[in-house]
Amino acid sequence: MSRTDDSADSSRTLAVLGSPIAHSKSPQLHAAAYAVLGLGWSYGAVEVVEGSLGAFINTCDPSWRGLSLTMPLKREILPVLASRSELVSIVGAANTVLFDENGSLHGFNTDVAGIVAAFADHGVTVLDNVQILGAGATAASVLVAVAQLGAQRALISARDPERAAWLMSLASQLGIELTLGSLDDPARGDALTAPSTVVSTLPGASHHGMTFSPALRESATLLDVAYEPWPSELATAWADVGGTVVSGLEMLLHQAIGQVRIFVTGREGGALSHELEVIAAMRASVGLAVPTD
């Protein structure tokens, strides 16, 4: 299906696509990885608005190795994929695309693993009740990730709860009791006890309008997937009371590690040579310290 390591020695073109995209730190992360691996690959950031992904793909020549996708393209890519990983089928979104030698596209999702690993960096390996802000493609990846960490109940707070209804079937498949609410509702989780974790999938600088009590911020872990600007409004509120904050930059790092593995080895789950050195370089490229035990 995919290119092999033999093709990884030649020059390749890669990019992160989305809108807005100028703030993306994916180019730093990937450049650091390929430098350690001795690959002269080019990885850029390209503004691609909703509805124009197909036109962009049609411009890709045989030098293209892969794409990293952010909003609003993670679901738009699905109809043009020649194959998709099981996780892409479950989540309904792909953030990673690999070009094969025939130019066919193969989709993967590294967001789920990125979320799980970002929590693990902060010692969070088991979750209970979760509140998720936002109901886009990333929210689906969050649902799968928190299910892997044992969450059984979740509240999704969305600007338009009716547009979040598509997530109900996914939650049922995962064994999660899901409640839909509005961002205008009190931030306590009507059908939940106080959440042990809050995950925001809202765009950076987006005003959510919710107020979380000091007690909740002290006890619940926050993951804010947005990392620009940082600290976010939510992260600042959590830090003010000494709460645990997981930065979206940490999620970005870990999902990028998964992407590098796919792009370099040509398959999901392939191990990199000098992987620890690669990861250390990626962390350093965006100013992330090595987590301590």
C-alpha atoms as a PDB file:
ATOM      1  CA  MET A   1       0.000   0.000   0.000  1.00  0.00           C
ATOM      2  CA  SER A   2       2.574   2.535   1.154  1.00  0.00           C
ATOM      3  CA  ARG A   3       6.075   3.588   0.351  1.00  0.00           C
ATOM      4  CA  THR A   4       8.828   1.779   2.171  1.00  0.00           C
ATOM      5  CA  ASP A   5      11.970   2.896   3.954  1.00  0.00           C
ATOM      6  CA  ASP A   6      13.874   2.622   0.659  1.00  0.00           C
ATOM      7  CA  SER A   7      12.018   5.663  -0.658  1.00  0.00           C
ATOM      8  CA  ALA A   8      12.628   7.635   2.518  1.00  0.00           C
ATOM      9  CA  ASP A   9      16.186   8.470   1.440  1.00  0.00           C
ATOM     10  CA  SER A  10      15.123  10.697  -1.485  1.00  0.00           C
ATOM     11  CA  SER A  11      13.837  14.246  -1.267  1.00  0.00           C
ATOM     12  CA  ARG A  12      10.182  14.464  -0.287  1.00  0.00           C
ATOM     13  CA  THR A  13       7.652  17.231   0.147  1.00  0.00           C
ATOM     14  CA  LEU A  14       5.277  17.412   3.096  1.00  0.00           C
ATOM     15  CA  ALA A  15       3.062  20.081   4.627  1.00  0.00           C
ATOM     16  CA  VAL A  16       0.453  20.869   7.212  1.00  0.00           C
ATOM     17  CA  LEU A  17      -2.779  22.166   5.687  1.00  0.00           C
ATOM     18  CA  GLY A  18      -5.628  24.089   7.263  1.00  0.00           C
ATOM     19  CA  SER A  19      -7.112  27.494   7.900  1.00  0.00           C
ATOM     20  CA  PRO A  20      -5.825  29.455   9.712  1.00  0.00           C
ATOM     21  CA  ILE A  21      -2.385  27.867   9.522  1.00  0.00           C
ATOM     22  CA  ALA A  22       0.264  30.611   9.902  1.00  0.00           C
ATOM     23  CA  HIS A  23       0.511  29.936  13.662  1.00  0.00           C
ATOM     24  CA  SER A  24       1.251  26.224  13.236  1.00  0.00           C
ATOM     25  CA  LYS A  25       4.313  24.796  14.950  1.00  0.00           C
ATOM     26  CA  SER A  26       4.170  21.569  12.957  1.00  0.00           C
ATOM     27  CA  PRO A  27       6.940  22.735  10.584  1.00  0.00           C
ATOM     28  CA  GLN A  28       9.358  23.157  13.518  1.00  0.00           C
ATOM     29  CA  LEU A  29       8.474  19.752  14.928  1.00  0.00           C
ATOM     30  CA  HIS A  30       8.859  17.902  11.646  1.00  0.00           C
ATOM     31  CA  ALA A  31      11.994  19.763  10.563  1.00  0.00           C
ATOM     32  CA  ALA A  32      13.665  18.824  13.842  1.00  0.00           C
ATOM     33  CA  ALA A  33      12.779  15.152  13.365  1.00  0.00           C
ATOM     34  CA  TYR A  34      13.991  14.912   9.780  1.00  0.00           C
ATOM     35  CA  ALA A  35      17.234  16.710  10.638  1.00  0.00           C
ATOM     36  CA  VAL A  36      18.067  14.069  13.255  1.00  0.00           C
ATOM     37  CA  LEU A  37      17.164  11.333  10.778  1.00  0.00           C
ATOM     38  CA  GLY A  38      19.357  12.889   8.076  1.00  0.00           C
ATOM     39  CA  LEU A  39      16.487  13.373   5.650  1.00  0.00           C
ATOM     40  CA  GLY A  40      16.484  16.352   3.320  1.00  0.00           C
ATOM     41  CA  TRP A  41      12.721  16.632   3.369  1.00  0.00           C
ATOM     42  CA  SER A  42      10.753  19.852   2.954  1.00  0.00           C
ATOM     43  CA  TYR A  43       7.824  20.426   5.338  1.00  0.00           C
ATOM     44  CA  GLY A  44       5.812  23.626   5.072  1.00  0.00           C
ATOM     45  CA  ALA A  45       2.503  25.163   6.135  1.00  0.00           C
ATOM     46  CA  VAL A  46      -0.145  25.846   3.479  1.00  0.00           C
ATOM     47  CA  GLU A  47      -3.367  27.787   3.929  1.00  0.00           C
ATOM     48  CA  VAL A  48      -6.154  25.591   2.554  1.00  0.00           C
ATOM     49  CA  VAL A  49      -9.704  26.677   3.241  1.00  0.00           C
ATOM     50  CA  GLU A  50     -12.732  24.431   3.500  1.00  0.00           C
ATOM     51  CA  GLY A  51     -13.875  23.183   0.112  1.00  0.00           C
ATOM     52  CA  SER A  52     -10.492  23.554  -1.618  1.00  0.00           C
ATOM     53  CA  LEU A  53      -8.641  20.459  -0.371  1.00  0.00           C
ATOM     54  CA  GLY A  54      -9.340  18.441  -3.501  1.00  0.00           C
ATOM     55  CA  ALA A  55      -7.991  21.205  -5.714  1.00  0.00           C
ATOM     56  CA  PHE A  56      -4.810  21.370  -3.642  1.00  0.00           C
ATOM     57  CA  ILE A  57      -4.271  17.607  -3.811  1.00  0.00           C
ATOM     58  CA  ASN A  58      -4.565  17.776  -7.587  1.00  0.00           C
ATOM     59  CA  THR A  59      -1.473  20.026  -7.625  1.00  0.00           C
ATOM     60  CA  CYS A  60       0.687  17.520  -5.709  1.00  0.00           C
ATOM     61  CA  ASP A  61       3.427  15.969  -7.838  1.00  0.00           C
ATOM     62  CA  PRO A  62       5.228  12.640  -7.189  1.00  0.00           C
ATOM     63  CA  SER A  63       7.614  14.271  -4.707  1.00  0.00           C
ATOM     64  CA  TRP A  64       4.820  14.480  -2.135  1.00  0.00           C
ATOM     65  CA  ARG A  65       5.160  12.114   0.809  1.00  0.00           C
ATOM     66  CA  GLY A  66       2.481  13.218   3.242  1.00  0.00           C
ATOM     67  CA  LEU A  67       0.072  15.746   4.668  1.00  0.00           C
ATOM     68  CA  SER A  68      -0.803  16.798   8.178  1.00  0.00           C
ATOM     69  CA  LEU A  69      -4.388  18.045   8.342  1.00  0.00           C
ATOM     70  CA  THR A  70      -5.952  20.438  10.780  1.00  0.00           C
ATOM     71  CA  MET A  71      -9.355  22.046  10.808  1.00  0.00           C
ATOM     72  CA  PRO A  72     -11.452  22.221   8.738  1.00  0.00           C
ATOM     73  CA  LEU A  73     -10.002  19.414   6.603  1.00  0.00           C
ATOM     74  CA  LYS A  74      -9.965  16.306   8.794  1.00  0.00           C
ATOM     75  CA  ARG A  75     -13.325  15.105   7.509  1.00  0.00           C
ATOM     76  CA  GLU A  76     -13.152  16.691   4.068  1.00  0.00           C
ATOM     77  CA  ILE A  77     -10.279  14.339   3.178  1.00  0.00           C
ATOM     78  CA  LEU A  78     -12.267  11.137   3.747  1.00  0.00           C
ATOM     79  CA  PRO A  79     -13.903  10.732   0.297  1.00  0.00           C
ATOM     80  CA  VAL A  80     -10.544  10.865  -1.537  1.00  0.00           C
ATOM     81  CA  LEU A  81      -8.719   8.298   0.589  1.00  0.00           C
ATOM     82  CA  ALA A  82      -7.812   4.998  -1.051  1.00  0.00           C
ATOM     83  CA  SER A  83      -7.675   3.432   2.400  1.00  0.00           C
ATOM     84  CA  ARG A  84      -8.176   4.495   5.972  1.00  0.00           C
ATOM     85  CA  SER A  85      -6.969   3.071   9.246  1.00  0.00           C
ATOM     86  CA  GLU A  86      -9.434   1.476  11.618  1.00  0.00           C
ATOM     87  CA  LEU A  87      -9.161   4.491  13.888  1.00  0.00           C
ATOM     88  CA  VAL A  88     -10.054   6.861  11.045  1.00  0.00           C
ATOM     89  CA  SER A  89     -13.164   4.784  10.413  1.00  0.00           C
ATOM     90  CA  ILE A  90     -14.122   4.907  14.079  1.00  0.00           C
ATOM     91  CA  VAL A  91     -13.433   8.607  14.602  1.00  0.00           C
ATOM     92  CA  GLY A  92     -14.600   9.767  11.192  1.00  0.00           C
ATOM     93  CA  ALA A  93     -11.575  12.035  10.789  1.00  0.00           C
ATOM     94  CA  ALA A  94      -8.011  11.765   9.493  1.00  0.00           C
ATOM     95  CA  ASN A  95      -5.226  14.145  10.470  1.00  0.00           C
ATOM     96  CA  THR A  96      -2.485  12.281   8.582  1.00  0.00           C
ATOM     97  CA  VAL A  97      -2.243  11.380   4.886  1.00  0.00           C
ATOM     98  CA  LEU A  98       0.442   9.228   3.264  1.00  0.00           C
ATOM     99  CA  PHE A  99       1.007   9.275  -0.511  1.00  0.00           C
ATOM    100  CA  ASP A 100       1.955   5.920  -2.018  1.00  0.00           C
ATOM    101  CA  GLU A 101       4.101   5.366  -5.119  1.00  0.00           C
ATOM    102  CA  ASN A 102       1.010   5.612  -7.327  1.00  0.00           C
ATOM    103  CA  GLY A 103      -0.151   8.874  -5.807  1.00  0.00           C
ATOM    104  CA  SER A 104      -3.005   7.242  -3.893  1.00  0.00           C
ATOM    105  CA  LEU A 105      -3.806   8.629  -0.458  1.00  0.00           C
ATOM    106  CA  HIS A 106      -3.965   6.635   2.773  1.00  0.00           C
ATOM    107  CA  GLY A 107      -5.446   8.159   5.915  1.00  0.00           C
ATOM    108  CA  PHE A 108      -4.494   7.785   9.574  1.00  0.00           C
ATOM    109  CA  ASN A 109      -5.441   9.386  12.870  1.00  0.00           C
ATOM    110  CA  THR A 110      -2.622  10.201  15.303  1.00  0.00           C
ATOM    111  CA  ASP A 111      -4.687  12.684  17.337  1.00  0.00           C
ATOM    112  CA  VAL A 112      -6.060   9.975  19.634  1.00  0.00           C
ATOM    113  CA  ALA A 113      -2.622   8.685  20.598  1.00  0.00           C
ATOM    114  CA  GLY A 114      -1.426  12.272  20.922  1.00  0.00           C
ATOM    115  CA  ILE A 115      -4.132  13.044  23.482  1.00  0.00           C
ATOM    116  CA  VAL A 116      -3.445   9.897  25.504  1.00  0.00           C
ATOM    117  CA  ALA A 117       0.311  10.574  25.540  1.00  0.00           C
ATOM    118  CA  ALA A 118      -0.141  14.236  26.509  1.00  0.00           C
ATOM    119  CA  PHE A 119      -2.229  13.202  29.514  1.00  0.00           C
ATOM    120  CA  ALA A 120       0.365  10.566  30.430  1.00  0.00           C
ATOM    121  CA  ASP A 121       3.091  13.236  30.526  1.00  0.00           C
ATOM    122  CA  HIS A 122       1.175  14.693  33.484  1.00  0.00           C
ATOM    123  CA  GLY A 123       0.600  11.357  35.188  1.00  0.00           C
ATOM    124  CA  VAL A 124      -3.014  11.117  34.025  1.00  0.00           C
ATOM    125  CA  THR A 125      -3.614   7.535  32.920  1.00  0.00           C
ATOM    126  CA  VAL A 126      -7.200   6.970  34.091  1.00  0.00           C
ATOM    127  CA  LEU A 127     -10.223   9.208  33.506  1.00  0.00           C
ATOM    128  CA  ASP A 128     -13.765   9.180  34.838  1.00  0.00           C
ATOM    129  CA  ASN A 129     -16.217  11.957  33.972  1.00  0.00           C
ATOM    130  CA  VAL A 130     -15.163  14.292  31.181  1.00  0.00           C
ATOM    131  CA  GLN A 131     -16.489  17.592  29.882  1.00  0.00           C
ATOM    132  CA  ILE A 132     -15.597  18.440  26.274  1.00  0.00           C
ATOM    133  CA  LEU A 133     -15.949  21.949  24.873  1.00  0.00           C
ATOM    134  CA  GLY A 134     -16.710  21.946  21.147  1.00  0.00           C
ATOM    135  CA  ALA A 135     -18.168  19.322  18.828  1.00  0.00           C
ATOM    136  CA  GLY A 136     -15.977  19.191  15.738  1.00  0.00           C
ATOM    137  CA  ALA A 137     -13.700  16.463  14.397  1.00  0.00           C
ATOM    138  CA  THR A 138     -11.222  16.863  17.257  1.00  0.00           C
ATOM    139  CA  ALA A 139     -14.007  16.227  19.770  1.00  0.00           C
ATOM    140  CA  ALA A 140     -14.491  12.789  18.202  1.00  0.00           C
ATOM    141  CA  SER A 141     -10.802  11.993  18.703  1.00  0.00           C
ATOM    142  CA  VAL A 142     -11.098  13.204  22.294  1.00  0.00           C
ATOM    143  CA  LEU A 143     -14.029  10.855  22.889  1.00  0.00           C
ATOM    144  CA  VAL A 144     -12.035   7.870  21.643  1.00  0.00           C
ATOM    145  CA  ALA A 145      -8.985   8.896  23.678  1.00  0.00           C
ATOM    146  CA  VAL A 146     -10.886   9.338  26.939  1.00  0.00           C
ATOM    147  CA  ALA A 147     -12.648   6.019  26.342  1.00  0.00           C
ATOM    148  CA  GLN A 148      -9.223   4.386  26.077  1.00  0.00           C
ATOM    149  CA  LEU A 149      -8.433   5.955  29.463  1.00  0.00           C
ATOM    150  CA  GLY A 150     -11.552   4.486  31.044  1.00  0.00           C
ATOM    151  CA  ALA A 151     -14.032   7.378  30.922  1.00  0.00           C
ATOM    152  CA  GLN A 152     -17.629   6.194  31.088  1.00  0.00           C
ATOM    153  CA  ARG A 153     -19.526   9.483  31.051  1.00  0.00           C
ATOM    154  CA  ALA A 154     -19.042  12.685  29.116  1.00  0.00           C
ATOM    155  CA  LEU A 155     -20.735  16.011  28.568  1.00  0.00           C
ATOM    156  CA  ILE A 156     -20.174  17.817  25.295  1.00  0.00           C
ATOM    157  CA  SER A 157     -20.791  21.541  25.521  1.00  0.00           C
ATOM    158  CA  ALA A 158     -21.306  23.020  22.055  1.00  0.00           C
ATOM    159  CA  ARG A 159     -22.436  26.321  20.609  1.00  0.00           C
ATOM    160  CA  ASP A 160     -25.194  24.418  18.835  1.00  0.00           C
ATOM    161  CA  PRO A 161     -25.941  21.142  20.662  1.00  0.00           C
ATOM    162  CA  GLU A 162     -28.034  19.874  17.739  1.00  0.00           C
ATOM    163  CA  ARG A 163     -24.951  19.919  15.512  1.00  0.00           C
ATOM    164  CA  ALA A 164     -23.199  17.703  18.063  1.00  0.00           C
ATOM    165  CA  ALA A 165     -25.797  14.935  17.735  1.00  0.00           C
ATOM    166  CA  TRP A 166     -23.566  13.009  15.310  1.00  0.00           C
ATOM    167  CA  LEU A 167     -21.277  12.196  18.251  1.00  0.00           C
ATOM    168  CA  MET A 168     -23.984  10.241  20.078  1.00  0.00           C
ATOM    169  CA  SER A 169     -23.526   7.097  17.985  1.00  0.00           C
ATOM    170  CA  LEU A 170     -19.747   7.222  18.453  1.00  0.00           C
ATOM    171  CA  ALA A 171     -20.164   7.542  22.216  1.00  0.00           C
ATOM    172  CA  SER A 172     -22.563   4.579  22.238  1.00  0.00           C
ATOM    173  CA  GLN A 173     -20.057   2.511  20.277  1.00  0.00           C
ATOM    174  CA  LEU A 174     -17.377   3.406  22.825  1.00  0.00           C
ATOM    175  CA  GLY A 175     -19.568   2.617  25.822  1.00  0.00           C
ATOM    176  CA  ILE A 176     -19.675   6.240  26.969  1.00  0.00           C
ATOM    177  CA  GLU A 177     -22.859   7.757  28.368  1.00  0.00           C
ATOM    178  CA  LEU A 178     -22.944  11.064  26.500  1.00  0.00           C
ATOM    179  CA  THR A 179     -24.922  14.191  27.326  1.00  0.00           C
ATOM    180  CA  LEU A 180     -25.147  17.168  24.974  1.00  0.00           C
ATOM    181  CA  GLY A 181     -25.293  20.687  26.359  1.00  0.00           C
ATOM    182  CA  SER A 182     -24.751  24.286  25.381  1.00  0.00           C
ATOM    183  CA  LEU A 183     -21.777  26.505  26.041  1.00  0.00           C
ATOM    184  CA  ASP A 184     -24.346  28.808  27.606  1.00  0.00           C
ATOM    185  CA  ASP A 185     -25.145  26.240  30.305  1.00  0.00           C
ATOM    186  CA  PRO A 186     -23.517  26.420  33.738  1.00  0.00           C
ATOM    187  CA  ALA A 187     -20.126  24.704  33.572  1.00  0.00           C
ATOM    188  CA  ARG A 188     -20.876  21.906  35.998  1.00  0.00           C
ATOM    189  CA  GLY A 189     -22.195  19.110  33.750  1.00  0.00           C
ATOM    190  CA  ASP A 190     -25.932  18.737  34.292  1.00  0.00           C
ATOM    191  CA  ALA A 191     -25.977  14.951  33.944  1.00  0.00           C
ATOM    192  CA  LEU A 192     -22.541  14.468  35.469  1.00  0.00           C
ATOM    193  CA  THR A 193     -20.976  14.756  38.826  1.00  0.00           C
ATOM    194  CA  ALA A 194     -18.193  17.345  38.658  1.00  0.00           C
ATOM    195  CA  PRO A 195     -15.940  16.328  35.759  1.00  0.00           C
ATOM    196  CA  SER A 196     -12.506  14.994  36.566  1.00  0.00           C
ATOM    197  CA  THR A 197     -11.247  16.377  33.275  1.00  0.00           C
ATOM    198  CA  VAL A 198     -12.155  19.269  30.984  1.00  0.00           C
ATOM    199  CA  VAL A 199     -10.991  19.199  27.359  1.00  0.00           C
ATOM    200  CA  SER A 200     -11.401  22.249  25.158  1.00  0.00           C
ATOM    201  CA  THR A 201     -11.337  21.688  21.399  1.00  0.00           C
ATOM    202  CA  LEU A 202     -12.324  25.290  20.659  1.00  0.00           C
ATOM    203  CA  PRO A 203     -10.097  27.389  18.373  1.00  0.00           C
ATOM    204  CA  GLY A 204      -7.419  29.532  19.944  1.00  0.00           C
ATOM    205  CA  ALA A 205      -8.609  32.903  21.297  1.00  0.00           C
ATOM    206  CA  SER A 206     -12.204  31.668  21.043  1.00  0.00           C
ATOM    207  CA  HIS A 207     -14.364  33.016  23.858  1.00  0.00           C
ATOM    208  CA  HIS A 208     -16.307  30.129  25.363  1.00  0.00           C
ATOM    209  CA  GLY A 209     -18.370  32.154  27.834  1.00  0.00           C
ATOM    210  CA  MET A 210     -18.225  29.478  30.554  1.00  0.00           C
ATOM    211  CA  THR A 211     -17.229  30.001  34.176  1.00  0.00           C
ATOM    212  CA  PHE A 212     -15.639  27.110  36.049  1.00  0.00           C
ATOM    213  CA  SER A 213     -15.608  27.240  39.831  1.00  0.00           C
ATOM    214  CA  PRO A 214     -12.278  27.447  41.668  1.00  0.00           C
ATOM    215  CA  ALA A 215     -12.985  24.062  43.277  1.00  0.00           C
ATOM    216  CA  LEU A 216     -13.487  22.419  39.893  1.00  0.00           C
ATOM    217  CA  ARG A 217     -10.363  24.039  38.450  1.00  0.00           C
ATOM    218  CA  GLU A 218      -8.322  22.815  41.411  1.00  0.00           C
ATOM    219  CA  SER A 219      -9.530  19.225  41.122  1.00  0.00           C
ATOM    220  CA  ALA A 220     -10.042  18.680  37.379  1.00  0.00           C
ATOM    221  CA  THR A 221      -7.277  18.362  34.785  1.00  0.00           C
ATOM    222  CA  LEU A 222      -7.551  20.732  31.818  1.00  0.00           C
ATOM    223  CA  LEU A 223      -6.400  19.872  28.310  1.00  0.00           C
ATOM    224  CA  ASP A 224      -6.719  22.825  25.941  1.00  0.00           C
ATOM    225  CA  VAL A 225      -5.908  21.589  22.441  1.00  0.00           C
ATOM    226  CA  ALA A 226      -5.348  25.154  21.215  1.00  0.00           C
ATOM    227  CA  TYR A 227      -1.822  26.427  21.794  1.00  0.00           C
ATOM    228  CA  GLU A 228      -1.882  29.838  20.111  1.00  0.00           C
ATOM    229  CA  PRO A 229      -2.193  32.221  21.842  1.00  0.00           C
ATOM    230  CA  TRP A 230      -0.816  30.655  25.016  1.00  0.00           C
ATOM    231  CA  PRO A 231      -1.629  30.599  27.796  1.00  0.00           C
ATOM    232  CA  SER A 232      -5.249  30.470  26.764  1.00  0.00           C
ATOM    233  CA  GLU A 233      -8.060  32.013  28.784  1.00  0.00           C
ATOM    234  CA  LEU A 234      -8.858  28.603  30.226  1.00  0.00           C
ATOM    235  CA  ALA A 235      -5.231  27.720  30.966  1.00  0.00           C
ATOM    236  CA  THR A 236      -4.792  31.000  32.820  1.00  0.00           C
ATOM    237  CA  ALA A 237      -7.904  30.364  34.905  1.00  0.00           C
ATOM    238  CA  TRP A 238      -6.648  26.881  35.837  1.00  0.00           C
ATOM    239  CA  ALA A 239      -3.138  28.090  36.625  1.00  0.00           C
ATOM    240  CA  ASP A 240      -4.520  30.828  38.869  1.00  0.00           C
ATOM    241  CA  VAL A 241      -5.737  28.191  41.345  1.00  0.00           C
ATOM    242  CA  GLY A 242      -2.831  25.771  40.877  1.00  0.00           C
ATOM    243  CA  GLY A 243      -4.806  23.365  38.692  1.00  0.00           C
ATOM    244  CA  THR A 244      -3.248  20.832  36.322  1.00  0.00           C
ATOM    245  CA  VAL A 245      -2.968  22.131  32.742  1.00  0.00           C
ATOM    246  CA  VAL A 246      -2.052  20.005  29.717  1.00  0.00           C
ATOM    247  CA  SER A 247      -1.037  22.230  26.817  1.00  0.00           C
ATOM    248  CA  GLY A 248      -2.274  21.624  23.305  1.00  0.00           C
ATOM    249  CA  LEU A 249       1.368  21.924  22.286  1.00  0.00           C
ATOM    250  CA  GLU A 250       2.003  18.635  24.103  1.00  0.00           C
ATOM    251  CA  MET A 251      -0.800  16.978  22.146  1.00  0.00           C
ATOM    252  CA  LEU A 252       0.641  18.484  18.949  1.00  0.00           C
ATOM    253  CA  LEU A 253       4.056  17.034  19.770  1.00  0.00           C
ATOM    254  CA  HIS A 254       2.776  13.524  20.356  1.00  0.00           C
ATOM    255  CA  GLN A 255       0.498  13.416  17.308  1.00  0.00           C
ATOM    256  CA  ALA A 256       3.438  14.708  15.242  1.00  0.00           C
ATOM    257  CA  ILE A 257       5.650  11.876  16.527  1.00  0.00           C
ATOM    258  CA  GLY A 258       3.057   9.440  15.201  1.00  0.00           C
ATOM    259  CA  GLN A 259       3.012  11.238  11.864  1.00  0.00           C
ATOM    260  CA  VAL A 260       6.794  11.149  11.533  1.00  0.00           C
ATOM    261  CA  ARG A 261       6.732   7.397  12.152  1.00  0.00           C
ATOM    262  CA  ILE A 262       4.161   6.944   9.372  1.00  0.00           C
ATOM    263  CA  PHE A 263       5.899   9.241   6.889  1.00  0.00           C
ATOM    264  CA  VAL A 264       9.347   7.714   7.458  1.00  0.00           C
ATOM    265  CA  THR A 265       8.492   4.021   7.754  1.00  0.00           C
ATOM    266  CA  GLY A 266       5.499   4.001   5.432  1.00  0.00           C
ATOM    267  CA  ARG A 267       3.234   2.286   7.950  1.00  0.00           C
ATOM    268  CA  GLU A 268       1.422   2.873  11.187  1.00  0.00           C
ATOM    269  CA  GLY A 269       3.314   1.697  14.245  1.00  0.00           C
ATOM    270  CA  GLY A 270       6.704   1.589  12.564  1.00  0.00           C
ATOM    271  CA  ALA A 271       9.603   2.468  14.858  1.00  0.00           C
ATOM    272  CA  LEU A 272      12.111   5.200  14.031  1.00  0.00           C
ATOM    273  CA  SER A 273      15.852   4.819  14.252  1.00  0.00           C
ATOM    274  CA  HIS A 274      17.265   7.039  17.024  1.00  0.00           C
ATOM    275  CA  GLU A 275      13.694   7.610  18.185  1.00  0.00           C
ATOM    276  CA  LEU A 276      14.568   9.025  21.608  1.00  0.00           C
ATOM    277  CA  GLU A 277      16.927  11.516  19.991  1.00  0.00           C
ATOM    278  CA  VAL A 278      14.235  12.435  17.463  1.00  0.00           C
ATOM    279  CA  ILE A 279      11.666  13.072  20.191  1.00  0.00           C
ATOM    280  CA  ALA A 280      14.117  15.129  22.247  1.00  0.00           C
ATOM    281  CA  ALA A 281      14.861  17.302  19.214  1.00  0.00           C
ATOM    282  CA  MET A 282      11.169  17.753  18.507  1.00  0.00           C
ATOM    283  CA  ARG A 283      10.525  18.833  22.093  1.00  0.00           C
ATOM    284  CA  ALA A 284      13.388  21.308  21.993  1.00  0.00           C
ATOM    285  CA  SER A 285      12.175  22.800  18.700  1.00  0.00           C
ATOM    286  CA  VAL A 286       9.000  24.106  20.365  1.00  0.00           C
ATOM    287  CA  GLY A 287      10.385  24.734  23.849  1.00  0.00           C
ATOM    288  CA  LEU A 288       8.853  21.723  25.598  1.00  0.00           C
ATOM    289  CA  ALA A 289      10.800  20.285  28.498  1.00  0.00           C
ATOM    290  CA  VAL A 290      11.256  16.559  28.970  1.00  0.00           C
ATOM    291  CA  PRO A 291       8.558  15.378  31.417  1.00  0.00           C
ATOM    292  CA  THR A 292       9.716  14.328  34.867  1.00  0.00           C
ATOM    293  CA  ASP A 293       8.459  11.271  36.729  1.00  0.00           C
END
